[in-house]
Amino acid sequence: MKIVIVGPGAMGCLLCAYLSKTKEEIWLLDKNKERAFRLSTSGISIEGIGGSWTAKARVTAEPDDIGRADLVILCVKSYHTKEAIARSRPVIGQETLVLSLQNGIGNIEVIGETIGHDKVIGAVTNLGATLTGEGKVRYAGKGETIIGRIDGKTPVEMRDIREAFNKVGFETKISRDIKGILWSKLIINVGINPLTAITRLNNGGLLEFEWTRKIMREAATEAVRVAKRKRIKLIYDDPLAKVEAVCEATAANISSMLQDILKKKRTEIDFINGVIVRLGQELGIPVTVNTLLVELVKTIETSYNLRID
């Protein structure tokens, strides 16, 4: 199987390094030609779980170098989805599947509009990875990865993907209800990510203060109301308790949104809490807490040059 991973962030580099251990042909597609050359020369360095090691990787900024792929894995920020799928078109053939391993809601739909919805696979992962430098990843936490198609079908190619992931130690399962799983993960991110970005606390820190715990539960409650109105079946009996349980289980983790803020980058707030705000307004459901969180995160990410350290 020829697998092309799009995006040299933490998750993209982690997948590239581990999958390169298999007999599959693995490529990492970057949009930056100079960085691609450096990564192809120096390799990808992993530290943390499993020790420290470096993987030799095929990295390029030219899709034509790769040819047609069997599987494309998108590991880019949600706001780059349309650009990334357009750039990847030369490697996408009639039989190519595209796996979205991204945060938030809406990526599957954007990809499907471009290449056809029957070629798109959604995914949720609890793998913990942080980019500590160019091509350098700290693998901090094992976790389950779940993949599935929106229509619930499970073609044989999906089982091949599961096998490839499991072979390198990434526990992977197939679900017939990936939409419910994506929304269940969204509700967790809605409660955790913006609060960590605003307070600069790690996940566990949110549980240390009654105020952040209260806001976290209120934000998640609004999201649950929206999901129920849209008749989405969540996978947790008590989503609010699950948000707090994830905080506790990942206490030392620095959320992806906080990582973006610390690096003075754009966040994915529009694809997380912003989804709840838009749908809540459409459905007539009050979403005041999520609206406030979106506005605060947007203020932070557009005022980096004005910040007082």
C-alpha atoms as a PDB file:
ATOM      1  CA  MET A   1       0.000   0.000   0.000  1.00  0.00           C
ATOM      2  CA  LYS A   2       1.275   3.473  -0.885  1.00  0.00           C
ATOM      3  CA  ILE A   3       0.355   5.937   1.873  1.00  0.00           C
ATOM      4  CA  VAL A   4       0.797   9.695   1.591  1.00  0.00           C
ATOM      5  CA  ILE A   5       0.651  11.737   4.807  1.00  0.00           C
ATOM      6  CA  VAL A   6      -0.126  15.397   4.216  1.00  0.00           C
ATOM      7  CA  GLY A   7       1.293  17.846   6.750  1.00  0.00           C
ATOM      8  CA  PRO A   8       4.547  17.700   8.763  1.00  0.00           C
ATOM      9  CA  GLY A   9       2.989  18.591  12.107  1.00  0.00           C
ATOM     10  CA  ALA A  10       3.133  16.456  15.238  1.00  0.00           C
ATOM     11  CA  MET A  11       0.613  13.852  14.104  1.00  0.00           C
ATOM     12  CA  GLY A  12       1.834  13.769  10.507  1.00  0.00           C
ATOM     13  CA  CYS A  13       5.439  13.211  11.553  1.00  0.00           C
ATOM     14  CA  LEU A  14       4.467  10.621  14.182  1.00  0.00           C
ATOM     15  CA  LEU A  15       2.491   8.592  11.641  1.00  0.00           C
ATOM     16  CA  CYS A  16       5.202   8.907   9.008  1.00  0.00           C
ATOM     17  CA  ALA A  17       7.924   7.707  11.370  1.00  0.00           C
ATOM     18  CA  TYR A  18       6.014   4.703  12.682  1.00  0.00           C
ATOM     19  CA  LEU A  19       4.422   3.613   9.411  1.00  0.00           C
ATOM     20  CA  SER A  20       7.860   3.797   7.771  1.00  0.00           C
ATOM     21  CA  LYS A  21       8.754   0.766   9.895  1.00  0.00           C
ATOM     22  CA  THR A  22       6.393  -1.360   7.798  1.00  0.00           C
ATOM     23  CA  LYS A  23       6.777  -2.727   4.279  1.00  0.00           C
ATOM     24  CA  GLU A  24       4.327  -0.096   3.006  1.00  0.00           C
ATOM     25  CA  GLU A  25       5.558   2.786   0.822  1.00  0.00           C
ATOM     26  CA  ILE A  26       5.187   5.874   3.006  1.00  0.00           C
ATOM     27  CA  TRP A  27       5.499   9.492   1.862  1.00  0.00           C
ATOM     28  CA  LEU A  28       5.213  12.778   3.744  1.00  0.00           C
ATOM     29  CA  LEU A  29       3.907  15.615   1.564  1.00  0.00           C
ATOM     30  CA  ASP A  30       4.935  19.095   2.686  1.00  0.00           C
ATOM     31  CA  LYS A  31       4.031  22.428   1.070  1.00  0.00           C
ATOM     32  CA  ASN A  32       7.437  23.898   1.932  1.00  0.00           C
ATOM     33  CA  LYS A  33      10.157  22.754  -0.483  1.00  0.00           C
ATOM     34  CA  GLU A  34      13.115  23.740   1.736  1.00  0.00           C
ATOM     35  CA  ARG A  35      11.671  22.054   4.820  1.00  0.00           C
ATOM     36  CA  ALA A  36      10.835  18.938   2.806  1.00  0.00           C
ATOM     37  CA  PHE A  37      14.460  18.698   1.696  1.00  0.00           C
ATOM     38  CA  ARG A  38      15.728  19.093   5.260  1.00  0.00           C
ATOM     39  CA  LEU A  39      13.357  16.424   6.583  1.00  0.00           C
ATOM     40  CA  SER A  40      14.253  14.005   3.807  1.00  0.00           C
ATOM     41  CA  THR A  41      17.897  14.477   4.752  1.00  0.00           C
ATOM     42  CA  SER A  42      17.727  14.502   8.553  1.00  0.00           C
ATOM     43  CA  GLY A  43      14.756  12.168   9.045  1.00  0.00           C
ATOM     44  CA  ILE A  44      12.053  12.383  11.713  1.00  0.00           C
ATOM     45  CA  SER A  45      13.070  12.138  15.366  1.00  0.00           C
ATOM     46  CA  ILE A  46      10.780  10.573  17.964  1.00  0.00           C
ATOM     47  CA  GLU A  47      11.174  10.731  21.740  1.00  0.00           C
ATOM     48  CA  GLY A  48       8.969   9.571  24.579  1.00  0.00           C
ATOM     49  CA  ILE A  49       7.064   6.298  24.438  1.00  0.00           C
ATOM     50  CA  GLY A  50       9.354   3.672  22.951  1.00  0.00           C
ATOM     51  CA  GLY A  51      12.520   5.693  23.586  1.00  0.00           C
ATOM     52  CA  SER A  52      14.372   8.020  21.238  1.00  0.00           C
ATOM     53  CA  TRP A  53      14.964   7.114  17.607  1.00  0.00           C
ATOM     54  CA  THR A  54      15.071   8.597  14.128  1.00  0.00           C
ATOM     55  CA  ALA A  55      13.190   7.365  11.066  1.00  0.00           C
ATOM     56  CA  LYS A  56      14.408   7.835   7.538  1.00  0.00           C
ATOM     57  CA  ALA A  57      11.476   9.244   5.593  1.00  0.00           C
ATOM     58  CA  ARG A  58      10.456   9.967   2.030  1.00  0.00           C
ATOM     59  CA  VAL A  59       9.532  13.654   2.136  1.00  0.00           C
ATOM     60  CA  THR A  60       8.701  15.894  -0.792  1.00  0.00           C
ATOM     61  CA  ALA A  61       6.892  19.108  -1.695  1.00  0.00           C
ATOM     62  CA  GLU A  62       6.189  17.833  -5.200  1.00  0.00           C
ATOM     63  CA  PRO A  63       3.134  15.536  -5.508  1.00  0.00           C
ATOM     64  CA  ASP A  64       4.338  14.417  -8.940  1.00  0.00           C
ATOM     65  CA  ASP A  65       7.318  12.735  -7.225  1.00  0.00           C
ATOM     66  CA  ILE A  66       4.923  10.342  -5.528  1.00  0.00           C
ATOM     67  CA  GLY A  67       2.459   9.116  -8.151  1.00  0.00           C
ATOM     68  CA  ARG A  68      -0.973   7.695  -7.334  1.00  0.00           C
ATOM     69  CA  ALA A  69      -1.548   6.725  -3.707  1.00  0.00           C
ATOM     70  CA  ASP A  70      -3.763   4.066  -2.175  1.00  0.00           C
ATOM     71  CA  LEU A  71      -4.370   6.184   0.910  1.00  0.00           C
ATOM     72  CA  VAL A  72      -3.941   9.874   1.687  1.00  0.00           C
ATOM     73  CA  ILE A  73      -3.986  10.904   5.359  1.00  0.00           C
ATOM     74  CA  LEU A  74      -4.711  14.570   6.001  1.00  0.00           C
ATOM     75  CA  CYS A  75      -2.947  15.835   9.143  1.00  0.00           C
ATOM     76  CA  VAL A  76      -3.336  19.573   8.571  1.00  0.00           C
ATOM     77  CA  LYS A  77      -5.221  22.260  10.460  1.00  0.00           C
ATOM     78  CA  SER A  78      -8.912  22.403   9.598  1.00  0.00           C
ATOM     79  CA  TYR A  79      -8.586  25.821   8.002  1.00  0.00           C
ATOM     80  CA  HIS A  80      -6.050  24.351   5.539  1.00  0.00           C
ATOM     81  CA  THR A  81      -8.227  21.400   4.471  1.00  0.00           C
ATOM     82  CA  LYS A  82      -9.399  22.823   1.149  1.00  0.00           C
ATOM     83  CA  GLU A  83      -5.891  23.957   0.219  1.00  0.00           C
ATOM     84  CA  ALA A  84      -4.348  20.629   1.259  1.00  0.00           C
ATOM     85  CA  ILE A  85      -6.782  18.475  -0.700  1.00  0.00           C
ATOM     86  CA  ALA A  86      -6.280  20.650  -3.790  1.00  0.00           C
ATOM     87  CA  ARG A  87      -2.507  20.321  -3.464  1.00  0.00           C
ATOM     88  CA  SER A  88      -2.830  16.557  -3.050  1.00  0.00           C
ATOM     89  CA  ARG A  89      -4.954  16.047  -6.175  1.00  0.00           C
ATOM     90  CA  PRO A  90      -2.080  14.635  -8.285  1.00  0.00           C
ATOM     91  CA  VAL A  91      -1.717  11.673  -5.885  1.00  0.00           C
ATOM     92  CA  ILE A  92      -5.471  10.985  -5.678  1.00  0.00           C
ATOM     93  CA  GLY A  93      -6.719   8.486  -8.249  1.00  0.00           C
ATOM     94  CA  GLN A  94     -10.045   6.762  -8.817  1.00  0.00           C
ATOM     95  CA  GLU A  95      -9.316   4.166  -6.122  1.00  0.00           C
ATOM     96  CA  THR A  96      -7.560   6.437  -3.600  1.00  0.00           C
ATOM     97  CA  LEU A  97      -9.108   6.844  -0.157  1.00  0.00           C
ATOM     98  CA  VAL A  98      -8.602   9.988   1.933  1.00  0.00           C
ATOM     99  CA  LEU A  99      -8.501   9.736   5.727  1.00  0.00           C
ATOM    100  CA  SER A 100      -9.137  12.925   7.708  1.00  0.00           C
ATOM    101  CA  LEU A 101      -7.160  12.772  10.958  1.00  0.00           C
ATOM    102  CA  GLN A 102      -8.064  16.315  11.992  1.00  0.00           C
ATOM    103  CA  ASN A 103      -9.770  18.256  14.748  1.00  0.00           C
ATOM    104  CA  GLY A 104     -13.264  19.659  14.575  1.00  0.00           C
ATOM    105  CA  ILE A 105     -16.305  19.173  12.399  1.00  0.00           C
ATOM    106  CA  GLY A 106     -16.634  19.874   8.683  1.00  0.00           C
ATOM    107  CA  ASN A 107     -13.418  18.435   7.248  1.00  0.00           C
ATOM    108  CA  ILE A 108     -15.073  15.295   5.865  1.00  0.00           C
ATOM    109  CA  GLU A 109     -17.659  17.387   4.049  1.00  0.00           C
ATOM    110  CA  VAL A 110     -15.037  19.711   2.542  1.00  0.00           C
ATOM    111  CA  ILE A 111     -12.956  16.777   1.297  1.00  0.00           C
ATOM    112  CA  GLY A 112     -16.023  14.954  -0.053  1.00  0.00           C
ATOM    113  CA  GLU A 113     -17.125  17.963  -2.071  1.00  0.00           C
ATOM    114  CA  THR A 114     -13.790  17.839  -3.900  1.00  0.00           C
ATOM    115  CA  ILE A 115     -13.158  14.122  -4.455  1.00  0.00           C
ATOM    116  CA  GLY A 116     -16.492  12.412  -3.743  1.00  0.00           C
ATOM    117  CA  HIS A 117     -17.952  11.457  -0.382  1.00  0.00           C
ATOM    118  CA  ASP A 118     -17.522   7.720  -0.954  1.00  0.00           C
ATOM    119  CA  LYS A 119     -13.729   8.140  -0.882  1.00  0.00           C
ATOM    120  CA  VAL A 120     -13.565   9.883   2.501  1.00  0.00           C
ATOM    121  CA  ILE A 121     -12.907   8.258   5.875  1.00  0.00           C
ATOM    122  CA  GLY A 122     -13.274  10.106   9.156  1.00  0.00           C
ATOM    123  CA  ALA A 123     -11.060   9.443  12.148  1.00  0.00           C
ATOM    124  CA  VAL A 124     -10.662  10.322  15.792  1.00  0.00           C
ATOM    125  CA  THR A 125      -7.449   9.625  17.663  1.00  0.00           C
ATOM    126  CA  ASN A 126      -6.338   9.867  21.257  1.00  0.00           C
ATOM    127  CA  LEU A 127      -2.647   9.577  20.409  1.00  0.00           C
ATOM    128  CA  GLY A 128      -0.667  12.263  22.226  1.00  0.00           C
ATOM    129  CA  ALA A 129       2.006  14.003  20.165  1.00  0.00           C
ATOM    130  CA  THR A 130       3.731  17.378  20.399  1.00  0.00           C
ATOM    131  CA  LEU A 131       6.022  18.945  17.816  1.00  0.00           C
ATOM    132  CA  THR A 132       9.121  20.144  19.663  1.00  0.00           C
ATOM    133  CA  GLY A 133      10.996  21.284  16.568  1.00  0.00           C
ATOM    134  CA  GLU A 134      11.147  20.722  12.839  1.00  0.00           C
ATOM    135  CA  GLY A 135      10.652  16.980  12.330  1.00  0.00           C
ATOM    136  CA  LYS A 136      10.965  16.367  16.081  1.00  0.00           C
ATOM    137  CA  VAL A 137       8.054  14.788  17.943  1.00  0.00           C
ATOM    138  CA  ARG A 138       7.422  13.978  21.574  1.00  0.00           C
ATOM    139  CA  TYR A 139       5.177  10.902  21.646  1.00  0.00           C
ATOM    140  CA  ALA A 140       3.553  11.373  25.029  1.00  0.00           C
ATOM    141  CA  GLY A 141       0.492   9.188  25.062  1.00  0.00           C
ATOM    142  CA  LYS A 142      -0.910   6.034  23.527  1.00  0.00           C
ATOM    143  CA  GLY A 143      -4.580   6.043  22.718  1.00  0.00           C
ATOM    144  CA  GLU A 144      -7.239   4.472  20.577  1.00  0.00           C
ATOM    145  CA  THR A 145      -7.847   5.567  16.995  1.00  0.00           C
ATOM    146  CA  ILE A 146     -11.287   5.033  15.442  1.00  0.00           C
ATOM    147  CA  ILE A 147     -11.986   5.244  11.723  1.00  0.00           C
ATOM    148  CA  GLY A 148     -15.181   5.019   9.702  1.00  0.00           C
ATOM    149  CA  ARG A 149     -17.239   6.254   6.804  1.00  0.00           C
ATOM    150  CA  ILE A 150     -20.207   8.561   7.256  1.00  0.00           C
ATOM    151  CA  ASP A 151     -22.449   6.071   5.418  1.00  0.00           C
ATOM    152  CA  GLY A 152     -21.424   3.295   7.828  1.00  0.00           C
ATOM    153  CA  LYS A 153     -19.967   1.057   5.122  1.00  0.00           C
ATOM    154  CA  THR A 154     -16.755  -0.849   5.871  1.00  0.00           C
ATOM    155  CA  PRO A 155     -14.957  -1.681   2.628  1.00  0.00           C
ATOM    156  CA  VAL A 156     -12.034  -4.094   2.730  1.00  0.00           C
ATOM    157  CA  GLU A 157      -9.602  -1.200   2.229  1.00  0.00           C
ATOM    158  CA  MET A 158     -10.617   0.163   5.610  1.00  0.00           C
ATOM    159  CA  ARG A 159      -9.599  -3.076   7.247  1.00  0.00           C
ATOM    160  CA  ASP A 160      -6.216  -2.756   5.516  1.00  0.00           C
ATOM    161  CA  ILE A 161      -5.803   0.676   7.104  1.00  0.00           C
ATOM    162  CA  ARG A 162      -6.693  -0.717  10.514  1.00  0.00           C
ATOM    163  CA  GLU A 163      -4.152  -3.499  10.077  1.00  0.00           C
ATOM    164  CA  ALA A 164      -1.386  -1.079   9.047  1.00  0.00           C
ATOM    165  CA  PHE A 165      -2.010   1.113  12.105  1.00  0.00           C
ATOM    166  CA  ASN A 166      -2.285  -1.794  14.526  1.00  0.00           C
ATOM    167  CA  LYS A 167       0.916  -3.302  13.168  1.00  0.00           C
ATOM    168  CA  VAL A 168       2.944  -0.318  14.442  1.00  0.00           C
ATOM    169  CA  GLY A 169       1.199  -0.164  17.819  1.00  0.00           C
ATOM    170  CA  PHE A 170      -1.528   2.381  17.071  1.00  0.00           C
ATOM    171  CA  GLU A 171      -4.620   0.591  18.405  1.00  0.00           C
ATOM    172  CA  THR A 172      -7.263   1.162  15.738  1.00  0.00           C
ATOM    173  CA  LYS A 173     -10.915   0.180  15.401  1.00  0.00           C
ATOM    174  CA  ILE A 174     -13.581   0.621  12.736  1.00  0.00           C
ATOM    175  CA  SER A 175     -16.919   2.224  13.582  1.00  0.00           C
ATOM    176  CA  ARG A 176     -20.189   2.302  11.658  1.00  0.00           C
ATOM    177  CA  ASP A 177     -21.106   5.550  13.440  1.00  0.00           C
ATOM    178  CA  ILE A 178     -18.106   7.805  12.930  1.00  0.00           C
ATOM    179  CA  LYS A 179     -20.349  10.886  12.997  1.00  0.00           C
ATOM    180  CA  GLY A 180     -21.368  10.156  16.586  1.00  0.00           C
ATOM    181  CA  ILE A 181     -17.734   9.579  17.523  1.00  0.00           C
ATOM    182  CA  LEU A 182     -16.583  12.804  15.849  1.00  0.00           C
ATOM    183  CA  TRP A 183     -19.258  14.746  17.726  1.00  0.00           C
ATOM    184  CA  SER A 184     -18.403  13.049  21.015  1.00  0.00           C
ATOM    185  CA  LYS A 185     -14.758  14.106  20.549  1.00  0.00           C
ATOM    186  CA  LEU A 186     -15.913  17.598  19.539  1.00  0.00           C
ATOM    187  CA  ILE A 187     -17.771  18.043  22.825  1.00  0.00           C
ATOM    188  CA  ILE A 188     -14.625  17.127  24.765  1.00  0.00           C
ATOM    189  CA  ASN A 189     -12.593  19.645  22.750  1.00  0.00           C
ATOM    190  CA  VAL A 190     -15.298  22.292  23.175  1.00  0.00           C
ATOM    191  CA  GLY A 191     -14.969  22.024  26.952  1.00  0.00           C
ATOM    192  CA  ILE A 192     -11.186  21.779  27.178  1.00  0.00           C
ATOM    193  CA  ASN A 193      -9.351  23.488  24.321  1.00  0.00           C
ATOM    194  CA  PRO A 194     -10.479  27.126  24.492  1.00  0.00           C
ATOM    195  CA  LEU A 195     -10.183  27.272  28.266  1.00  0.00           C
ATOM    196  CA  THR A 196      -6.605  25.990  28.163  1.00  0.00           C
ATOM    197  CA  ALA A 197      -5.819  28.528  25.435  1.00  0.00           C
ATOM    198  CA  ILE A 198      -7.264  31.418  27.452  1.00  0.00           C
ATOM    199  CA  THR A 199      -5.882  30.435  30.867  1.00  0.00           C
ATOM    200  CA  ARG A 200      -2.631  28.840  29.610  1.00  0.00           C
ATOM    201  CA  LEU A 201      -3.257  25.896  31.920  1.00  0.00           C
ATOM    202  CA  ASN A 202      -2.647  22.289  30.946  1.00  0.00           C
ATOM    203  CA  ASN A 203      -5.674  20.016  30.818  1.00  0.00           C
ATOM    204  CA  GLY A 204      -5.473  18.967  34.443  1.00  0.00           C
ATOM    205  CA  GLY A 205      -5.191  22.566  35.589  1.00  0.00           C
ATOM    206  CA  LEU A 206      -8.771  23.223  34.497  1.00  0.00           C
ATOM    207  CA  LEU A 207      -9.998  20.883  37.230  1.00  0.00           C
ATOM    208  CA  GLU A 208      -8.089  22.739  39.937  1.00  0.00           C
ATOM    209  CA  PHE A 209     -10.367  25.775  39.896  1.00  0.00           C
ATOM    210  CA  GLU A 210     -14.126  25.870  40.426  1.00  0.00           C
ATOM    211  CA  TRP A 211     -14.497  28.681  37.864  1.00  0.00           C
ATOM    212  CA  THR A 212     -12.835  26.868  34.975  1.00  0.00           C
ATOM    213  CA  ARG A 213     -14.618  23.649  35.881  1.00  0.00           C
ATOM    214  CA  LYS A 214     -17.955  25.512  35.792  1.00  0.00           C
ATOM    215  CA  ILE A 215     -17.262  27.163  32.420  1.00  0.00           C
ATOM    216  CA  MET A 216     -16.053  23.858  30.982  1.00  0.00           C
ATOM    217  CA  ARG A 217     -19.274  22.109  31.942  1.00  0.00           C
ATOM    218  CA  GLU A 218     -21.440  24.970  30.637  1.00  0.00           C
ATOM    219  CA  ALA A 219     -19.673  25.011  27.272  1.00  0.00           C
ATOM    220  CA  ALA A 220     -20.027  21.239  26.943  1.00  0.00           C
ATOM    221  CA  THR A 221     -23.698  21.399  28.002  1.00  0.00           C
ATOM    222  CA  GLU A 222     -24.464  23.807  25.154  1.00  0.00           C
ATOM    223  CA  ALA A 223     -22.698  21.477  22.722  1.00  0.00           C
ATOM    224  CA  VAL A 224     -24.664  18.464  23.962  1.00  0.00           C
ATOM    225  CA  ARG A 225     -27.947  20.367  23.434  1.00  0.00           C
ATOM    226  CA  VAL A 226     -26.970  21.136  19.851  1.00  0.00           C
ATOM    227  CA  ALA A 227     -25.996  17.500  19.208  1.00  0.00           C
ATOM    228  CA  LYS A 228     -29.290  16.226  20.623  1.00  0.00           C
ATOM    229  CA  ARG A 229     -31.311  18.673  18.515  1.00  0.00           C
ATOM    230  CA  LYS A 230     -29.463  17.371  15.448  1.00  0.00           C
ATOM    231  CA  ARG A 231     -30.271  13.806  16.573  1.00  0.00           C
ATOM    232  CA  ILE A 232     -26.642  12.815  16.817  1.00  0.00           C
ATOM    233  CA  LYS A 233     -26.083   9.789  19.020  1.00  0.00           C
ATOM    234  CA  LEU A 234     -23.176  10.454  21.372  1.00  0.00           C
ATOM    235  CA  ILE A 235     -21.058   7.528  22.531  1.00  0.00           C
ATOM    236  CA  TYR A 236     -20.913   8.581  26.195  1.00  0.00           C
ATOM    237  CA  ASP A 237     -23.819   8.136  28.605  1.00  0.00           C
ATOM    238  CA  ASP A 238     -22.665  11.246  30.496  1.00  0.00           C
ATOM    239  CA  PRO A 239     -20.696  13.543  28.140  1.00  0.00           C
ATOM    240  CA  LEU A 240     -20.111  16.136  30.860  1.00  0.00           C
ATOM    241  CA  ALA A 241     -18.494  13.594  33.158  1.00  0.00           C
ATOM    242  CA  LYS A 242     -16.440  12.375  30.209  1.00  0.00           C
ATOM    243  CA  VAL A 243     -15.007  15.867  29.604  1.00  0.00           C
ATOM    244  CA  GLU A 244     -13.758  15.994  33.194  1.00  0.00           C
ATOM    245  CA  ALA A 245     -12.481  12.405  32.993  1.00  0.00           C
ATOM    246  CA  VAL A 246     -10.445  13.259  29.879  1.00  0.00           C
ATOM    247  CA  CYS A 247      -9.027  16.307  31.674  1.00  0.00           C
ATOM    248  CA  GLU A 248      -7.901  14.078  34.510  1.00  0.00           C
ATOM    249  CA  ALA A 249      -6.540  11.326  32.260  1.00  0.00           C
ATOM    250  CA  THR A 250      -4.551  13.844  30.182  1.00  0.00           C
ATOM    251  CA  ALA A 251      -3.671  16.143  33.060  1.00  0.00           C
ATOM    252  CA  ALA A 252      -0.155  16.970  31.851  1.00  0.00           C
ATOM    253  CA  ASN A 253      -1.194  17.458  28.227  1.00  0.00           C
ATOM    254  CA  ILE A 254      -0.904  20.828  26.521  1.00  0.00           C
ATOM    255  CA  SER A 255      -3.911  21.045  24.214  1.00  0.00           C
ATOM    256  CA  SER A 256      -3.395  21.689  20.514  1.00  0.00           C
ATOM    257  CA  MET A 257      -5.144  25.034  20.839  1.00  0.00           C
ATOM    258  CA  LEU A 258      -2.857  26.142  23.659  1.00  0.00           C
ATOM    259  CA  GLN A 259       0.134  24.996  21.598  1.00  0.00           C
ATOM    260  CA  ASP A 260      -1.072  27.252  18.792  1.00  0.00           C
ATOM    261  CA  ILE A 261      -1.472  30.201  21.159  1.00  0.00           C
ATOM    262  CA  LEU A 262       1.996  29.693  22.651  1.00  0.00           C
ATOM    263  CA  LYS A 263       3.439  29.636  19.110  1.00  0.00           C
ATOM    264  CA  LYS A 264       1.374  32.724  18.192  1.00  0.00           C
ATOM    265  CA  LYS A 265      -0.442  30.853  15.446  1.00  0.00           C
ATOM    266  CA  ARG A 266      -4.022  30.756  14.243  1.00  0.00           C
ATOM    267  CA  THR A 267      -6.185  28.303  16.201  1.00  0.00           C
ATOM    268  CA  GLU A 268      -8.939  25.930  15.092  1.00  0.00           C
ATOM    269  CA  ILE A 269     -11.559  27.665  17.257  1.00  0.00           C
ATOM    270  CA  ASP A 270     -13.892  28.136  14.258  1.00  0.00           C
ATOM    271  CA  PHE A 271     -14.037  24.373  13.715  1.00  0.00           C
ATOM    272  CA  ILE A 272     -14.569  23.494  17.379  1.00  0.00           C
ATOM    273  CA  ASN A 273     -16.550  25.971  19.505  1.00  0.00           C
ATOM    274  CA  GLY A 274     -17.363  27.979  16.387  1.00  0.00           C
ATOM    275  CA  VAL A 275     -19.358  25.011  15.059  1.00  0.00           C
ATOM    276  CA  ILE A 276     -21.501  25.012  18.199  1.00  0.00           C
ATOM    277  CA  VAL A 277     -22.076  28.769  17.918  1.00  0.00           C
ATOM    278  CA  ARG A 278     -23.147  28.598  14.261  1.00  0.00           C
ATOM    279  CA  LEU A 279     -25.434  25.602  14.701  1.00  0.00           C
ATOM    280  CA  GLY A 280     -26.837  26.903  17.973  1.00  0.00           C
ATOM    281  CA  GLN A 281     -27.822  30.162  16.310  1.00  0.00           C
ATOM    282  CA  GLU A 282     -29.394  28.296  13.380  1.00  0.00           C
ATOM    283  CA  LEU A 283     -31.377  26.043  15.724  1.00  0.00           C
ATOM    284  CA  GLY A 284     -32.362  28.752  18.200  1.00  0.00           C
ATOM    285  CA  ILE A 285     -30.383  27.201  21.056  1.00  0.00           C
ATOM    286  CA  PRO A 286     -28.635  29.631  23.461  1.00  0.00           C
ATOM    287  CA  VAL A 287     -24.845  29.293  23.098  1.00  0.00           C
ATOM    288  CA  THR A 288     -23.656  32.245  25.160  1.00  0.00           C
ATOM    289  CA  VAL A 289     -20.702  30.484  26.797  1.00  0.00           C
ATOM    290  CA  ASN A 290     -19.341  29.138  23.527  1.00  0.00           C
ATOM    291  CA  THR A 291     -19.831  32.524  21.886  1.00  0.00           C
ATOM    292  CA  LEU A 292     -17.782  34.171  24.619  1.00  0.00           C
ATOM    293  CA  LEU A 293     -15.033  31.550  24.374  1.00  0.00           C
ATOM    294  CA  VAL A 294     -14.803  31.998  20.596  1.00  0.00           C
ATOM    295  CA  GLU A 295     -14.592  35.759  20.932  1.00  0.00           C
ATOM    296  CA  LEU A 296     -11.888  35.582  23.603  1.00  0.00           C
ATOM    297  CA  VAL A 297      -9.734  33.099  21.651  1.00  0.00           C
ATOM    298  CA  LYS A 298     -10.104  35.152  18.473  1.00  0.00           C
ATOM    299  CA  THR A 299      -9.047  38.262  20.387  1.00  0.00           C
ATOM    300  CA  ILE A 300      -5.943  36.480  21.648  1.00  0.00           C
ATOM    301  CA  GLU A 301      -4.934  35.084  18.265  1.00  0.00           C
ATOM    302  CA  THR A 302      -5.346  38.428  16.486  1.00  0.00           C
ATOM    303  CA  SER A 303      -3.530  40.524  19.076  1.00  0.00           C
ATOM    304  CA  TYR A 304      -0.205  38.726  19.490  1.00  0.00           C
ATOM    305  CA  ASN A 305       1.743  41.879  18.625  1.00  0.00           C
ATOM    306  CA  LEU A 306      -0.091  43.830  21.341  1.00  0.00           C
ATOM    307  CA  ARG A 307       0.348  41.337  24.168  1.00  0.00           C
ATOM    308  CA  ILE A 308       2.031  42.358  27.410  1.00  0.00           C
ATOM    309  CA  ASP A 309       4.261  39.519  28.585  1.00  0.00           C
END
